[in-house]
Amino acid sequence: MLPKFDPGDIVYISRQHDGVDPADIGAICACRLVTGETYLKQVLKGSRAGTFTLRSYNAADMEDCDLEWATPIRAVTPRQARRFH
């Protein structure tokens, strides 16, 4: 099962480059499409060279996407972990 993110979770990334590092294929990443949208998805190879399939926990695969960049998620702080009582 892929990770699930909830409203209010804080997702930490550290982007060091444009493009997609081959080492990040299979990782859950913050992904920026060339059209400007940004998603949190698992990055997989697309069916055409230079494209990628983006897989989600709760949605259909987005196939053969052109990415501006993708960078792995470094850490997540769940919304519940920030509550103090």
PDB file of N, CA and C in Angstrom:
ATOM      1  N   MET A   1       0.848  -1.179   0.000  1.00  0.00           N
ATOM      2  CA  MET A   1       0.000   0.000   0.000  1.00  0.00           C
ATOM      3  C   MET A   1       0.892   1.241   0.000  1.00  0.00           C
ATOM      4  N   LEU A   2       0.518   2.205  -0.776  1.00  0.00           N
ATOM      5  CA  LEU A   2       1.287   3.442  -0.856  1.00  0.00           C
ATOM      6  C   LEU A   2       0.946   4.353   0.311  1.00  0.00           C
ATOM      7  N   PRO A   3       1.845   5.245   0.680  1.00  0.00           N
ATOM      8  CA  PRO A   3       1.548   6.180   1.758  1.00  0.00           C
ATOM      9  C   PRO A   3       0.344   7.052   1.412  1.00  0.00           C
ATOM     10  N   LYS A   4      -0.358   7.470   2.444  1.00  0.00           N
ATOM     11  CA  LYS A   4      -1.520   8.334   2.286  1.00  0.00           C
ATOM     12  C   LYS A   4      -1.239   9.609   3.063  1.00  0.00           C
ATOM     13  N   PHE A   5      -1.555  10.719   2.472  1.00  0.00           N
ATOM     14  CA  PHE A   5      -1.351  12.007   3.116  1.00  0.00           C
ATOM     15  C   PHE A   5      -2.711  12.634   3.378  1.00  0.00           C
ATOM     16  N   ASP A   6      -2.839  13.251   4.516  1.00  0.00           N
ATOM     17  CA  ASP A   6      -4.099  13.864   4.909  1.00  0.00           C
ATOM     18  C   ASP A   6      -3.972  15.380   4.939  1.00  0.00           C
ATOM     19  N   PRO A   7      -5.096  16.082   4.783  1.00  0.00           N
ATOM     20  CA  PRO A   7      -5.057  17.537   4.920  1.00  0.00           C
ATOM     21  C   PRO A   7      -4.438  17.920   6.263  1.00  0.00           C
ATOM     22  N   GLY A   8      -3.538  18.862   6.239  1.00  0.00           N
ATOM     23  CA  GLY A   8      -2.866  19.304   7.458  1.00  0.00           C
ATOM     24  C   GLY A   8      -1.524  18.643   7.702  1.00  0.00           C
ATOM     25  N   ASP A   9      -1.234  17.534   7.013  1.00  0.00           N
ATOM     26  CA  ASP A   9       0.087  16.924   7.130  1.00  0.00           C
ATOM     27  C   ASP A   9       1.115  17.880   6.532  1.00  0.00           C
ATOM     28  N   ILE A  10       2.315  17.894   7.101  1.00  0.00           N
ATOM     29  CA  ILE A  10       3.409  18.676   6.544  1.00  0.00           C
ATOM     30  C   ILE A  10       4.367  17.704   5.866  1.00  0.00           C
ATOM     31  N   VAL A  11       4.622  17.930   4.581  1.00  0.00           N
ATOM     32  CA  VAL A  11       5.493  17.073   3.791  1.00  0.00           C
ATOM     33  C   VAL A  11       6.773  17.850   3.496  1.00  0.00           C
ATOM     34  N   TYR A  12       7.901  17.248   3.845  1.00  0.00           N
ATOM     35  CA  TYR A  12       9.202  17.896   3.673  1.00  0.00           C
ATOM     36  C   TYR A  12       9.915  17.320   2.454  1.00  0.00           C
ATOM     37  N   ILE A  13      10.410  18.212   1.607  1.00  0.00           N
ATOM     38  CA  ILE A  13      11.213  17.814   0.453  1.00  0.00           C
ATOM     39  C   ILE A  13      12.466  18.684   0.420  1.00  0.00           C
ATOM     40  N   SER A  14      13.425  18.266  -0.371  1.00  0.00           N
ATOM     41  CA  SER A  14      14.633  19.053  -0.600  1.00  0.00           C
ATOM     42  C   SER A  14      15.005  18.867  -2.060  1.00  0.00           C
ATOM     43  N   ARG A  15      14.651  19.844  -2.885  1.00  0.00           N
ATOM     44  CA  ARG A  15      14.881  19.720  -4.330  1.00  0.00           C
ATOM     45  C   ARG A  15      16.253  20.270  -4.672  1.00  0.00           C
ATOM     46  N   GLN A  16      17.079  19.417  -5.283  1.00  0.00           N
ATOM     47  CA  GLN A  16      18.453  19.785  -5.619  1.00  0.00           C
ATOM     48  C   GLN A  16      18.682  19.934  -7.116  1.00  0.00           C
ATOM     49  N   HIS A  17      17.699  19.566  -7.954  1.00  0.00           N
ATOM     50  CA  HIS A  17      17.907  19.538  -9.400  1.00  0.00           C
ATOM     51  C   HIS A  17      16.574  19.563 -10.124  1.00  0.00           C
ATOM     52  N   ASP A  18      16.623  19.879 -11.404  1.00  0.00           N
ATOM     53  CA  ASP A  18      15.477  19.704 -12.283  1.00  0.00           C
ATOM     54  C   ASP A  18      15.537  18.301 -12.860  1.00  0.00           C
ATOM     55  N   GLY A  19      14.474  17.871 -13.495  1.00  0.00           N
ATOM     56  CA  GLY A  19      14.435  16.544 -14.079  1.00  0.00           C
ATOM     57  C   GLY A  19      14.131  15.483 -13.042  1.00  0.00           C
ATOM     58  N   VAL A  20      14.331  14.242 -13.430  1.00  0.00           N
ATOM     59  CA  VAL A  20      14.058  13.100 -12.557  1.00  0.00           C
ATOM     60  C   VAL A  20      15.330  12.258 -12.469  1.00  0.00           C
ATOM     61  N   ASP A  21      15.843  12.105 -11.262  1.00  0.00           N
ATOM     62  CA  ASP A  21      17.014  11.256 -11.031  1.00  0.00           C
ATOM     63  C   ASP A  21      16.561   9.803 -11.174  1.00  0.00           C
ATOM     64  N   PRO A  22      17.226   9.012 -12.016  1.00  0.00           N
ATOM     65  CA  PRO A  22      16.833   7.603 -12.172  1.00  0.00           C
ATOM     66  C   PRO A  22      16.777   6.850 -10.839  1.00  0.00           C
ATOM     67  N   ALA A  23      17.567   7.260  -9.864  1.00  0.00           N
ATOM     68  CA  ALA A  23      17.554   6.616  -8.552  1.00  0.00           C
ATOM     69  C   ALA A  23      16.231   6.829  -7.818  1.00  0.00           C
ATOM     70  N   ASP A  24      15.446   7.825  -8.249  1.00  0.00           N
ATOM     71  CA  ASP A  24      14.177   8.126  -7.586  1.00  0.00           C
ATOM     72  C   ASP A  24      12.988   7.382  -8.192  1.00  0.00           C
ATOM     73  N   ILE A  25      13.214   6.616  -9.256  1.00  0.00           N
ATOM     74  CA  ILE A  25      12.133   5.825  -9.845  1.00  0.00           C
ATOM     75  C   ILE A  25      11.671   4.806  -8.796  1.00  0.00           C
ATOM     76  N   GLY A  26      10.391   4.770  -8.547  1.00  0.00           N
ATOM     77  CA  GLY A  26       9.821   3.882  -7.536  1.00  0.00           C
ATOM     78  C   GLY A  26       9.570   4.574  -6.207  1.00  0.00           C
ATOM     79  N   ALA A  27      10.155   5.757  -6.008  1.00  0.00           N
ATOM     80  CA  ALA A  27      10.001   6.493  -4.748  1.00  0.00           C
ATOM     81  C   ALA A  27       8.737   7.354  -4.758  1.00  0.00           C
ATOM     82  N   ILE A  28       8.247   7.663  -3.569  1.00  0.00           N
ATOM     83  CA  ILE A  28       7.166   8.631  -3.423  1.00  0.00           C
ATOM     84  C   ILE A  28       7.823  10.008  -3.476  1.00  0.00           C
ATOM     85  N   CYS A  29       7.361  10.837  -4.417  1.00  0.00           N
ATOM     86  CA  CYS A  29       8.009  12.116  -4.677  1.00  0.00           C
ATOM     87  C   CYS A  29       6.998  13.249  -4.769  1.00  0.00           C
ATOM     88  N   ALA A  30       7.495  14.455  -4.564  1.00  0.00           N
ATOM     89  CA  ALA A  30       6.790  15.645  -5.008  1.00  0.00           C
ATOM     90  C   ALA A  30       7.147  15.777  -6.480  1.00  0.00           C
ATOM     91  N   CYS A  31       6.125  15.876  -7.338  1.00  0.00           N
ATOM     92  CA  CYS A  31       6.323  15.865  -8.787  1.00  0.00           C
ATOM     93  C   CYS A  31       5.711  17.114  -9.405  1.00  0.00           C
ATOM     94  N   ARG A  32       6.482  17.846 -10.184  1.00  0.00           N
ATOM     95  CA  ARG A  32       5.977  19.016 -10.899  1.00  0.00           C
ATOM     96  C   ARG A  32       5.870  18.683 -12.374  1.00  0.00           C
ATOM     97  N   LEU A  33       4.651  18.730 -12.910  1.00  0.00           N
ATOM     98  CA  LEU A  33       4.435  18.518 -14.336  1.00  0.00           C
ATOM     99  C   LEU A  33       4.879  19.753 -15.104  1.00  0.00           C
ATOM    100  N   VAL A  34       5.204  19.591 -16.381  1.00  0.00           N
ATOM    101  CA  VAL A  34       5.614  20.729 -17.195  1.00  0.00           C
ATOM    102  C   VAL A  34       4.478  21.735 -17.341  1.00  0.00           C
ATOM    103  N   THR A  35       3.245  21.310 -17.081  1.00  0.00           N
ATOM    104  CA  THR A  35       2.084  22.209 -17.148  1.00  0.00           C
ATOM    105  C   THR A  35       1.884  22.996 -15.856  1.00  0.00           C
ATOM    106  N   GLY A  36       2.722  22.721 -14.829  1.00  0.00           N
ATOM    107  CA  GLY A  36       2.701  23.516 -13.606  1.00  0.00           C
ATOM    108  C   GLY A  36       2.059  22.871 -12.398  1.00  0.00           C
ATOM    109  N   GLU A  37       1.277  21.800 -12.557  1.00  0.00           N
ATOM    110  CA  GLU A  37       0.662  21.149 -11.402  1.00  0.00           C
ATOM    111  C   GLU A  37       1.712  20.383 -10.605  1.00  0.00           C
ATOM    112  N   THR A  38       1.506  20.312  -9.288  1.00  0.00           N
ATOM    113  CA  THR A  38       2.413  19.566  -8.413  1.00  0.00           C
ATOM    114  C   THR A  38       1.615  18.522  -7.654  1.00  0.00           C
ATOM    115  N   TYR A  39       2.143  17.303  -7.589  1.00  0.00           N
ATOM    116  CA  TYR A  39       1.469  16.183  -6.944  1.00  0.00           C
ATOM    117  C   TYR A  39       2.438  15.442  -6.035  1.00  0.00           C
ATOM    118  N   LEU A  40       1.890  14.684  -5.089  1.00  0.00           N
ATOM    119  CA  LEU A  40       2.645  13.717  -4.297  1.00  0.00           C
ATOM    120  C   LEU A  40       2.263  12.347  -4.829  1.00  0.00           C
ATOM    121  N   LYS A  41       3.189  11.685  -5.507  1.00  0.00           N
ATOM    122  CA  LYS A  41       2.902  10.420  -6.185  1.00  0.00           C
ATOM    123  C   LYS A  41       4.136   9.531  -6.197  1.00  0.00           C
ATOM    124  N   GLN A  42       3.904   8.235  -6.408  1.00  0.00           N
ATOM    125  CA  GLN A  42       5.012   7.325  -6.674  1.00  0.00           C
ATOM    126  C   GLN A  42       5.383   7.494  -8.141  1.00  0.00           C
ATOM    127  N   VAL A  43       6.668   7.645  -8.432  1.00  0.00           N
ATOM    128  CA  VAL A  43       7.153   7.862  -9.793  1.00  0.00           C
ATOM    129  C   VAL A  43       7.592   6.526 -10.389  1.00  0.00           C
ATOM    130  N   LEU A  44       7.003   6.198 -11.538  1.00  0.00           N
ATOM    131  CA  LEU A  44       7.350   4.979 -12.267  1.00  0.00           C
ATOM    132  C   LEU A  44       7.698   5.355 -13.702  1.00  0.00           C
ATOM    133  N   LYS A  45       8.411   4.484 -14.397  1.00  0.00           N
ATOM    134  CA  LYS A  45       8.731   4.738 -15.809  1.00  0.00           C
ATOM    135  C   LYS A  45       7.446   4.734 -16.629  1.00  0.00           C
ATOM    136  N   GLY A  46       7.368   5.658 -17.582  1.00  0.00           N
ATOM    137  CA  GLY A  46       6.243   5.692 -18.498  1.00  0.00           C
ATOM    138  C   GLY A  46       6.458   4.722 -19.649  1.00  0.00           C
ATOM    139  N   SER A  47       5.483   4.666 -20.547  1.00  0.00           N
ATOM    140  CA  SER A  47       5.595   3.746 -21.672  1.00  0.00           C
ATOM    141  C   SER A  47       6.440   4.319 -22.807  1.00  0.00           C
ATOM    142  N   ARG A  48       6.689   5.630 -22.750  1.00  0.00           N
ATOM    143  CA  ARG A  48       7.536   6.282 -23.758  1.00  0.00           C
ATOM    144  C   ARG A  48       8.766   6.854 -23.063  1.00  0.00           C
ATOM    145  N   ALA A  49       9.874   6.902 -23.776  1.00  0.00           N
ATOM    146  CA  ALA A  49      11.115   7.445 -23.212  1.00  0.00           C
ATOM    147  C   ALA A  49      10.891   8.874 -22.728  1.00  0.00           C
ATOM    148  N   GLY A  50      11.382   9.166 -21.537  1.00  0.00           N
ATOM    149  CA  GLY A  50      11.292  10.515 -20.995  1.00  0.00           C
ATOM    150  C   GLY A  50       9.968  10.842 -20.341  1.00  0.00           C
ATOM    151  N   THR A  51       9.044   9.863 -20.277  1.00  0.00           N
ATOM    152  CA  THR A  51       7.768  10.092 -19.594  1.00  0.00           C
ATOM    153  C   THR A  51       7.687   9.211 -18.359  1.00  0.00           C
ATOM    154  N   PHE A  52       6.736   9.547 -17.487  1.00  0.00           N
ATOM    155  CA  PHE A  52       6.620   8.851 -16.213  1.00  0.00           C
ATOM    156  C   PHE A  52       5.154   8.592 -15.891  1.00  0.00           C
ATOM    157  N   THR A  53       4.914   7.468 -15.230  1.00  0.00           N
ATOM    158  CA  THR A  53       3.592   7.168 -14.691  1.00  0.00           C
ATOM    159  C   THR A  53       3.612   7.571 -13.228  1.00  0.00           C
ATOM    160  N   LEU A  54       2.592   8.303 -12.802  1.00  0.00           N
ATOM    161  CA  LEU A  54       2.474   8.741 -11.412  1.00  0.00           C
ATOM    162  C   LEU A  54       1.366   7.928 -10.761  1.00  0.00           C
ATOM    163  N   ARG A  55       1.713   7.204  -9.700  1.00  0.00           N
ATOM    164  CA  ARG A  55       0.776   6.322  -9.010  1.00  0.00           C
ATOM    165  C   ARG A  55       0.384   6.918  -7.668  1.00  0.00           C
ATOM    166  N   SER A  56      -0.900   6.778  -7.349  1.00  0.00           N
ATOM    167  CA  SER A  56      -1.460   7.340  -6.133  1.00  0.00           C
ATOM    168  C   SER A  56      -2.177   6.269  -5.336  1.00  0.00           C
ATOM    169  N   TYR A  57      -2.337   6.530  -4.052  1.00  0.00           N
ATOM    170  CA  TYR A  57      -3.076   5.643  -3.155  1.00  0.00           C
ATOM    171  C   TYR A  57      -4.558   5.608  -3.497  1.00  0.00           C
ATOM    172  N   ASN A  58      -5.099   6.747  -3.898  1.00  0.00           N
ATOM    173  CA  ASN A  58      -6.552   6.867  -4.007  1.00  0.00           C
ATOM    174  C   ASN A  58      -7.040   7.377  -5.361  1.00  0.00           C
ATOM    175  N   ALA A  59      -6.257   7.206  -6.404  1.00  0.00           N
ATOM    176  CA  ALA A  59      -6.664   7.696  -7.723  1.00  0.00           C
ATOM    177  C   ALA A  59      -6.037   6.811  -8.805  1.00  0.00           C
ATOM    178  N   ALA A  60      -6.599   6.898  -9.999  1.00  0.00           N
ATOM    179  CA  ALA A  60      -6.052   6.145 -11.124  1.00  0.00           C
ATOM    180  C   ALA A  60      -4.650   6.651 -11.472  1.00  0.00           C
ATOM    181  N   ASP A  61      -3.849   5.776 -12.050  1.00  0.00           N
ATOM    182  CA  ASP A  61      -2.512   6.177 -12.505  1.00  0.00           C
ATOM    183  C   ASP A  61      -2.615   7.320 -13.507  1.00  0.00           C
ATOM    184  N   MET A  62      -1.655   8.237 -13.421  1.00  0.00           N
ATOM    185  CA  MET A  62      -1.494   9.287 -14.421  1.00  0.00           C
ATOM    186  C   MET A  62      -0.354   8.814 -15.315  1.00  0.00           C
ATOM    187  N   GLU A  63      -0.679   8.422 -16.546  1.00  0.00           N
ATOM    188  CA  GLU A  63       0.304   7.766 -17.401  1.00  0.00           C
ATOM    189  C   GLU A  63       0.989   8.731 -18.364  1.00  0.00           C
ATOM    190  N   ASP A  64       2.260   8.423 -18.635  1.00  0.00           N
ATOM    191  CA  ASP A  64       3.071   9.137 -19.625  1.00  0.00           C
ATOM    192  C   ASP A  64       3.102  10.646 -19.387  1.00  0.00           C
ATOM    193  N   CYS A  65       3.393  11.023 -18.152  1.00  0.00           N
ATOM    194  CA  CYS A  65       3.483  12.439 -17.778  1.00  0.00           C
ATOM    195  C   CYS A  65       4.858  12.997 -18.122  1.00  0.00           C
ATOM    196  N   ASP A  66       4.876  14.233 -18.553  1.00  0.00           N
ATOM    197  CA  ASP A  66       6.122  14.971 -18.741  1.00  0.00           C
ATOM    198  C   ASP A  66       6.369  15.763 -17.470  1.00  0.00           C
ATOM    199  N   LEU A  67       7.497  15.494 -16.806  1.00  0.00           N
ATOM    200  CA  LEU A  67       7.800  16.132 -15.524  1.00  0.00           C
ATOM    201  C   LEU A  67       8.876  17.194 -15.682  1.00  0.00           C
ATOM    202  N   GLU A  68       8.673  18.316 -15.012  1.00  0.00           N
ATOM    203  CA  GLU A  68       9.715  19.338 -14.904  1.00  0.00           C
ATOM    204  C   GLU A  68      10.754  18.870 -13.896  1.00  0.00           C
ATOM    205  N   TRP A  69      10.241  18.329 -12.765  1.00  0.00           N
ATOM    206  CA  TRP A  69      11.123  17.767 -11.744  1.00  0.00           C
ATOM    207  C   TRP A  69      10.345  16.821 -10.845  1.00  0.00           C
ATOM    208  N   ALA A  70      11.089  15.978 -10.150  1.00  0.00           N
ATOM    209  CA  ALA A  70      10.546  15.116  -9.100  1.00  0.00           C
ATOM    210  C   ALA A  70      11.617  14.980  -8.041  1.00  0.00           C
ATOM    211  N   THR A  71      11.199  15.029  -6.789  1.00  0.00           N
ATOM    212  CA  THR A  71      12.151  14.893  -5.684  1.00  0.00           C
ATOM    213  C   THR A  71      11.512  14.074  -4.567  1.00  0.00           C
ATOM    214  N   PRO A  72      12.252  13.149  -3.968  1.00  0.00           N
ATOM    215  CA  PRO A  72      11.673  12.288  -2.940  1.00  0.00           C
ATOM    216  C   PRO A  72      11.209  13.062  -1.706  1.00  0.00           C
ATOM    217  N   ILE A  73      10.204  12.514  -1.074  1.00  0.00           N
ATOM    218  CA  ILE A  73       9.738  13.059   0.202  1.00  0.00           C
ATOM    219  C   ILE A  73      10.760  12.677   1.263  1.00  0.00           C
ATOM    220  N   ARG A  74      11.210  13.652   2.039  1.00  0.00           N
ATOM    221  CA  ARG A  74      12.224  13.405   3.075  1.00  0.00           C
ATOM    222  C   ARG A  74      11.592  13.010   4.404  1.00  0.00           C
ATOM    223  N   ALA A  75      10.442  13.620   4.724  1.00  0.00           N
ATOM    224  CA  ALA A  75       9.776  13.329   5.995  1.00  0.00           C
ATOM    225  C   ALA A  75       8.350  13.854   5.926  1.00  0.00           C
ATOM    226  N   VAL A  76       7.505  13.323   6.817  1.00  0.00           N
ATOM    227  CA  VAL A  76       6.119  13.781   6.931  1.00  0.00           C
ATOM    228  C   VAL A  76       5.805  13.947   8.410  1.00  0.00           C
ATOM    229  N   THR A  77       5.219  15.081   8.752  1.00  0.00           N
ATOM    230  CA  THR A  77       4.702  15.295  10.097  1.00  0.00           C
ATOM    231  C   THR A  77       3.178  15.247  10.004  1.00  0.00           C
ATOM    232  N   PRO A  78       2.569  14.195  10.548  1.00  0.00           N
ATOM    233  CA  PRO A  78       1.116  14.112  10.497  1.00  0.00           C
ATOM    234  C   PRO A  78       0.455  15.249  11.278  1.00  0.00           C
ATOM    235  N   ARG A  79      -0.689  15.680  10.803  1.00  0.00           N
ATOM    236  CA  ARG A  79      -1.442  16.760  11.455  1.00  0.00           C
ATOM    237  C   ARG A  79      -1.635  16.452  12.940  1.00  0.00           C
ATOM    238  N   GLN A  80      -1.955  15.199  13.273  1.00  0.00           N
ATOM    239  CA  GLN A  80      -2.207  14.823  14.676  1.00  0.00           C
ATOM    240  C   GLN A  80      -0.988  14.995  15.560  1.00  0.00           C
ATOM    241  N   ALA A  81       0.211  14.880  15.000  1.00  0.00           N
ATOM    242  CA  ALA A  81       1.430  14.999  15.794  1.00  0.00           C
ATOM    243  C   ALA A  81       1.700  16.432  16.224  1.00  0.00           C
ATOM    244  N   ARG A  82       1.011  17.394  15.615  1.00  0.00           N
ATOM    245  CA  ARG A  82       1.232  18.805  15.958  1.00  0.00           C
ATOM    246  C   ARG A  82       0.250  19.312  17.001  1.00  0.00           C
ATOM    247  N   ARG A  83      -0.697  18.485  17.406  1.00  0.00           N
ATOM    248  CA  ARG A  83      -1.672  18.915  18.415  1.00  0.00           C
ATOM    249  C   ARG A  83      -1.074  18.789  19.810  1.00  0.00           C
ATOM    250  N   PHE A  84      -1.276  19.815  20.592  1.00  0.00           N
ATOM    251  CA  PHE A  84      -0.794  19.795  21.971  1.00  0.00           C
ATOM    252  C   PHE A  84      -1.990  19.953  22.896  1.00  0.00           C
ATOM    253  N   HIS A  85      -2.141  19.051  23.845  1.00  0.00           N
ATOM    254  CA  HIS A  85      -3.239  19.132  24.826  1.00  0.00           C
ATOM    255  C   HIS A  85      -2.687  19.199  26.215  1.00  0.00           C
TER     256      HIS A  85
END
